[in-house]
Amino acid sequence: MPYADPGRPPLTSATAYLWWVTRGQVGLFARSVAWSSTAFVAAAALPYLLGAVVDTGLQSGLDSALWRAVLLLLGVGVLGAVANVFEHRVLVEGWIRAAFRSSQLLGHQVTRTGDAVTAELPTGEVVATVASDSFRVGEVFWIVPRLIGALAAYAVIAYMDTVEGV
């Protein structure tokens, strides 16, 4: 960043533009979704696993089954912590890349139009638009992977509920 050539986005709709930005960072977006899904599934599984540990302890006492359950709980907890660290890192990178690419594209458009923009709008409004709208575009790449991760966690827990018959 900045990009030597930020590209030529479709300007037909906001959705088309967001898909274009997504295609430009598809690997990063996929990693964001993967880490978010891992973090959310791990967080959602912890209460279930804690219940399993308690049930195992009450039924079997202090035996190897309890230790396996405790180690599984610990492993999922560590996985969740690691996933949250990597999730945050890739989400911030996706947010920054999308925001700065948008800012760069808006800046290029403003410089190409020259005085025509300031004839229509005050300079401060142009600067505020470039600054705020670009960061709103970036926020999409912070929120959408987390939404997908939350839906994945919901699906996993719903499946666990049907398998367990609770």
C-alpha atoms as a PDB file:
ATOM      1  CA  MET A   1       0.000   0.000   0.000  1.00  0.00           C
ATOM      2  CA  PRO A   2      -0.496   2.358  -1.636  1.00  0.00           C
ATOM      3  CA  TYR A   3      -1.240   0.412  -4.767  1.00  0.00           C
ATOM      4  CA  ALA A   4       0.720   1.319  -7.883  1.00  0.00           C
ATOM      5  CA  ASP A   5      -2.557   0.928  -9.747  1.00  0.00           C
ATOM      6  CA  PRO A   6      -5.628   0.561  -7.531  1.00  0.00           C
ATOM      7  CA  GLY A   7      -7.594  -0.726 -10.546  1.00  0.00           C
ATOM      8  CA  ARG A   8     -10.768   0.261 -12.322  1.00  0.00           C
ATOM      9  CA  PRO A   9     -13.776  -0.610 -10.186  1.00  0.00           C
ATOM     10  CA  PRO A  10     -17.322  -0.984 -11.482  1.00  0.00           C
ATOM     11  CA  LEU A  11     -19.326   2.038 -10.467  1.00  0.00           C
ATOM     12  CA  THR A  12     -22.771   0.636 -11.268  1.00  0.00           C
ATOM     13  CA  SER A  13     -23.700  -0.016  -7.618  1.00  0.00           C
ATOM     14  CA  ALA A  14     -22.277  -0.230  -4.146  1.00  0.00           C
ATOM     15  CA  THR A  15     -22.658  -4.017  -4.215  1.00  0.00           C
ATOM     16  CA  ALA A  16     -20.700  -4.293  -7.465  1.00  0.00           C
ATOM     17  CA  TYR A  17     -17.958  -2.155  -5.977  1.00  0.00           C
ATOM     18  CA  LEU A  18     -17.779  -4.247  -2.786  1.00  0.00           C
ATOM     19  CA  TRP A  19     -17.580  -7.478  -4.825  1.00  0.00           C
ATOM     20  CA  TRP A  20     -14.783  -5.919  -6.867  1.00  0.00           C
ATOM     21  CA  VAL A  21     -12.838  -5.040  -3.699  1.00  0.00           C
ATOM     22  CA  THR A  22     -13.473  -8.551  -2.351  1.00  0.00           C
ATOM     23  CA  ARG A  23     -12.096 -10.133  -5.527  1.00  0.00           C
ATOM     24  CA  GLY A  24      -9.016  -7.950  -5.141  1.00  0.00           C
ATOM     25  CA  GLN A  25      -8.266  -9.435  -1.721  1.00  0.00           C
ATOM     26  CA  VAL A  26      -9.975 -12.813  -1.976  1.00  0.00           C
ATOM     27  CA  GLY A  27      -7.162 -14.731  -0.230  1.00  0.00           C
ATOM     28  CA  LEU A  28      -7.164 -12.339   2.689  1.00  0.00           C
ATOM     29  CA  PHE A  29     -10.961 -12.468   2.860  1.00  0.00           C
ATOM     30  CA  ALA A  30     -10.891 -16.284   2.885  1.00  0.00           C
ATOM     31  CA  ARG A  31      -8.338 -16.274   5.729  1.00  0.00           C
ATOM     32  CA  SER A  32     -10.510 -13.791   7.618  1.00  0.00           C
ATOM     33  CA  VAL A  33     -13.540 -16.044   7.270  1.00  0.00           C
ATOM     34  CA  ALA A  34     -11.540 -19.130   8.276  1.00  0.00           C
ATOM     35  CA  TRP A  35     -10.057 -17.540  11.406  1.00  0.00           C
ATOM     36  CA  SER A  36     -13.378 -15.933  12.359  1.00  0.00           C
ATOM     37  CA  SER A  37     -15.184 -19.240  11.967  1.00  0.00           C
ATOM     38  CA  THR A  38     -12.565 -21.028  14.058  1.00  0.00           C
ATOM     39  CA  ALA A  39     -12.703 -18.382  16.785  1.00  0.00           C
ATOM     40  CA  PHE A  40     -16.504 -18.315  16.941  1.00  0.00           C
ATOM     41  CA  VAL A  41     -16.915 -22.106  16.842  1.00  0.00           C
ATOM     42  CA  ALA A  42     -14.328 -22.524  19.605  1.00  0.00           C
ATOM     43  CA  ALA A  43     -16.050 -19.903  21.753  1.00  0.00           C
ATOM     44  CA  ALA A  44     -19.451 -21.478  21.173  1.00  0.00           C
ATOM     45  CA  ALA A  45     -18.151 -24.977  21.950  1.00  0.00           C
ATOM     46  CA  LEU A  46     -16.588 -24.064  25.296  1.00  0.00           C
ATOM     47  CA  PRO A  47     -19.834 -24.102  27.353  1.00  0.00           C
ATOM     48  CA  TYR A  48     -20.785 -27.452  25.807  1.00  0.00           C
ATOM     49  CA  LEU A  49     -17.378 -28.913  26.604  1.00  0.00           C
ATOM     50  CA  LEU A  50     -17.438 -27.501  30.131  1.00  0.00           C
ATOM     51  CA  GLY A  51     -20.763 -29.224  30.677  1.00  0.00           C
ATOM     52  CA  ALA A  52     -19.249 -32.448  29.360  1.00  0.00           C
ATOM     53  CA  VAL A  53     -16.335 -32.107  31.794  1.00  0.00           C
ATOM     54  CA  VAL A  54     -18.684 -31.588  34.730  1.00  0.00           C
ATOM     55  CA  ASP A  55     -20.914 -34.495  33.667  1.00  0.00           C
ATOM     56  CA  THR A  56     -17.916 -36.774  33.188  1.00  0.00           C
ATOM     57  CA  GLY A  57     -16.519 -35.811  36.590  1.00  0.00           C
ATOM     58  CA  LEU A  58     -19.845 -36.426  38.309  1.00  0.00           C
ATOM     59  CA  GLN A  59     -20.381 -39.772  36.584  1.00  0.00           C
ATOM     60  CA  SER A  60     -16.880 -41.229  36.566  1.00  0.00           C
ATOM     61  CA  GLY A  61     -14.974 -39.351  39.200  1.00  0.00           C
ATOM     62  CA  LEU A  62     -11.315 -38.573  38.765  1.00  0.00           C
ATOM     63  CA  ASP A  63     -10.362 -41.010  36.028  1.00  0.00           C
ATOM     64  CA  SER A  64      -8.874 -40.970  32.518  1.00  0.00           C
ATOM     65  CA  ALA A  65     -12.193 -39.970  30.902  1.00  0.00           C
ATOM     66  CA  LEU A  66     -12.261 -36.815  32.993  1.00  0.00           C
ATOM     67  CA  TRP A  67      -8.674 -35.960  32.094  1.00  0.00           C
ATOM     68  CA  ARG A  68      -9.416 -36.445  28.379  1.00  0.00           C
ATOM     69  CA  ALA A  69     -12.427 -34.155  28.671  1.00  0.00           C
ATOM     70  CA  VAL A  70     -10.372 -31.542  30.532  1.00  0.00           C
ATOM     71  CA  LEU A  71      -7.591 -31.707  27.931  1.00  0.00           C
ATOM     72  CA  LEU A  72     -10.139 -31.329  25.142  1.00  0.00           C
ATOM     73  CA  LEU A  73     -11.618 -28.294  26.907  1.00  0.00           C
ATOM     74  CA  LEU A  74      -8.142 -26.838  27.357  1.00  0.00           C
ATOM     75  CA  GLY A  75      -7.229 -27.519  23.727  1.00  0.00           C
ATOM     76  CA  VAL A  76     -10.354 -25.846  22.385  1.00  0.00           C
ATOM     77  CA  GLY A  77      -9.732 -22.889  24.705  1.00  0.00           C
ATOM     78  CA  VAL A  78      -6.166 -22.487  23.436  1.00  0.00           C
ATOM     79  CA  LEU A  79      -7.327 -22.905  19.839  1.00  0.00           C
ATOM     80  CA  GLY A  80      -9.907 -20.184  20.409  1.00  0.00           C
ATOM     81  CA  ALA A  81      -7.325 -17.829  21.882  1.00  0.00           C
ATOM     82  CA  VAL A  82      -4.904 -18.391  19.002  1.00  0.00           C
ATOM     83  CA  ALA A  83      -7.713 -18.064  16.465  1.00  0.00           C
ATOM     84  CA  ASN A  84      -8.774 -14.745  18.003  1.00  0.00           C
ATOM     85  CA  VAL A  85      -5.238 -13.366  17.654  1.00  0.00           C
ATOM     86  CA  PHE A  86      -4.940 -14.358  14.000  1.00  0.00           C
ATOM     87  CA  GLU A  87      -8.540 -13.343  13.310  1.00  0.00           C
ATOM     88  CA  HIS A  88      -7.880  -9.850  14.604  1.00  0.00           C
ATOM     89  CA  ARG A  89      -4.714  -9.539  12.535  1.00  0.00           C
ATOM     90  CA  VAL A  90      -6.327 -10.553   9.227  1.00  0.00           C
ATOM     91  CA  LEU A  91      -9.506  -8.566   9.907  1.00  0.00           C
ATOM     92  CA  VAL A  92      -7.494  -5.397  10.492  1.00  0.00           C
ATOM     93  CA  GLU A  93      -5.443  -6.027   7.361  1.00  0.00           C
ATOM     94  CA  GLY A  94      -8.606  -6.553   5.281  1.00  0.00           C
ATOM     95  CA  TRP A  95     -10.167  -3.425   6.733  1.00  0.00           C
ATOM     96  CA  ILE A  96      -7.085  -1.308   6.063  1.00  0.00           C
ATOM     97  CA  ARG A  97      -6.537  -2.626   2.543  1.00  0.00           C
ATOM     98  CA  ALA A  98     -10.156  -2.031   1.524  1.00  0.00           C
ATOM     99  CA  ALA A  99     -10.259   1.398   3.162  1.00  0.00           C
ATOM    100  CA  PHE A 100      -6.994   2.613   1.661  1.00  0.00           C
ATOM    101  CA  ARG A 101      -7.770   1.235  -1.796  1.00  0.00           C
ATOM    102  CA  SER A 102     -11.089   3.083  -1.675  1.00  0.00           C
ATOM    103  CA  SER A 103      -9.396   6.220  -0.395  1.00  0.00           C
ATOM    104  CA  GLN A 104      -6.796   6.001  -3.136  1.00  0.00           C
ATOM    105  CA  LEU A 105      -9.481   5.541  -5.814  1.00  0.00           C
ATOM    106  CA  LEU A 106     -11.480   8.488  -4.467  1.00  0.00           C
ATOM    107  CA  GLY A 107      -8.359  10.621  -4.319  1.00  0.00           C
ATOM    108  CA  HIS A 108      -7.499   9.799  -7.934  1.00  0.00           C
ATOM    109  CA  GLN A 109     -11.066  10.625  -9.009  1.00  0.00           C
ATOM    110  CA  VAL A 110     -11.014  13.947  -7.177  1.00  0.00           C
ATOM    111  CA  THR A 111      -7.673  14.929  -8.723  1.00  0.00           C
ATOM    112  CA  ARG A 112      -8.903  13.974 -12.222  1.00  0.00           C
ATOM    113  CA  THR A 113     -12.026  16.100 -11.901  1.00  0.00           C
ATOM    114  CA  GLY A 114     -10.041  19.039 -10.542  1.00  0.00           C
ATOM    115  CA  ASP A 115     -11.910  22.266  -9.865  1.00  0.00           C
ATOM    116  CA  ALA A 116     -15.214  20.812 -11.057  1.00  0.00           C
ATOM    117  CA  VAL A 117     -15.626  19.005  -7.734  1.00  0.00           C
ATOM    118  CA  THR A 118     -15.029  22.082  -5.595  1.00  0.00           C
ATOM    119  CA  ALA A 119     -17.398  24.084  -7.775  1.00  0.00           C
ATOM    120  CA  GLU A 120     -20.169  21.711  -6.704  1.00  0.00           C
ATOM    121  CA  LEU A 121     -19.061  20.907  -3.144  1.00  0.00           C
ATOM    122  CA  PRO A 122     -16.939  22.673  -0.529  1.00  0.00           C
ATOM    123  CA  THR A 123     -13.387  21.321  -0.271  1.00  0.00           C
ATOM    124  CA  GLY A 124     -13.939  20.249   3.337  1.00  0.00           C
ATOM    125  CA  GLU A 125     -16.910  18.128   2.328  1.00  0.00           C
ATOM    126  CA  VAL A 126     -14.846  16.385  -0.352  1.00  0.00           C
ATOM    127  CA  VAL A 127     -12.076  15.614   2.149  1.00  0.00           C
ATOM    128  CA  ALA A 128     -14.582  14.419   4.766  1.00  0.00           C
ATOM    129  CA  THR A 129     -16.246  12.147   2.206  1.00  0.00           C
ATOM    130  CA  VAL A 130     -12.938  10.596   1.153  1.00  0.00           C
ATOM    131  CA  ALA A 131     -11.951  10.061   4.785  1.00  0.00           C
ATOM    132  CA  SER A 132     -15.228   8.720   6.180  1.00  0.00           C
ATOM    133  CA  ASP A 133     -16.634   6.745   3.243  1.00  0.00           C
ATOM    134  CA  SER A 134     -13.387   4.886   2.664  1.00  0.00           C
ATOM    135  CA  PHE A 135     -13.311   3.686   6.248  1.00  0.00           C
ATOM    136  CA  ARG A 136     -16.965   2.587   6.032  1.00  0.00           C
ATOM    137  CA  VAL A 137     -16.039   0.431   3.026  1.00  0.00           C
ATOM    138  CA  GLY A 138     -13.182  -1.037   5.054  1.00  0.00           C
ATOM    139  CA  GLU A 139     -15.527  -1.842   7.924  1.00  0.00           C
ATOM    140  CA  VAL A 140     -17.437  -4.207   5.647  1.00  0.00           C
ATOM    141  CA  PHE A 141     -14.294  -6.345   5.559  1.00  0.00           C
ATOM    142  CA  TRP A 142     -14.204  -6.306   9.355  1.00  0.00           C
ATOM    143  CA  ILE A 143     -17.865  -7.216   9.865  1.00  0.00           C
ATOM    144  CA  VAL A 144     -18.723  -9.714   7.104  1.00  0.00           C
ATOM    145  CA  PRO A 145     -16.115 -12.368   8.025  1.00  0.00           C
ATOM    146  CA  ARG A 146     -17.265 -12.168  11.640  1.00  0.00           C
ATOM    147  CA  LEU A 147     -20.878 -12.555  10.524  1.00  0.00           C
ATOM    148  CA  ILE A 148     -19.954 -15.648   8.513  1.00  0.00           C
ATOM    149  CA  GLY A 149     -18.001 -17.003  11.487  1.00  0.00           C
ATOM    150  CA  ALA A 150     -20.965 -16.430  13.797  1.00  0.00           C
ATOM    151  CA  LEU A 151     -23.264 -18.240  11.364  1.00  0.00           C
ATOM    152  CA  ALA A 152     -20.775 -21.117  11.187  1.00  0.00           C
ATOM    153  CA  ALA A 153     -20.751 -21.335  14.989  1.00  0.00           C
ATOM    154  CA  TYR A 154     -24.536 -21.312  15.027  1.00  0.00           C
ATOM    155  CA  ALA A 155     -24.617 -24.151  12.489  1.00  0.00           C
ATOM    156  CA  VAL A 156     -22.051 -26.221  14.404  1.00  0.00           C
ATOM    157  CA  ILE A 157     -23.872 -25.811  17.715  1.00  0.00           C
ATOM    158  CA  ALA A 158     -27.224 -26.562  16.071  1.00  0.00           C
ATOM    159  CA  TYR A 159     -25.704 -29.729  14.632  1.00  0.00           C
ATOM    160  CA  MET A 160     -24.209 -30.686  18.002  1.00  0.00           C
ATOM    161  CA  ASP A 161     -27.643 -30.166  19.563  1.00  0.00           C
ATOM    162  CA  THR A 162     -29.325 -32.473  17.061  1.00  0.00           C
ATOM    163  CA  VAL A 163     -26.647 -35.153  17.406  1.00  0.00           C
ATOM    164  CA  GLU A 164     -26.688 -34.935  21.175  1.00  0.00           C
ATOM    165  CA  GLY A 165     -30.499 -34.825  21.252  1.00  0.00           C
ATOM    166  CA  VAL A 166     -30.572 -32.189  23.969  1.00  0.00           C
END
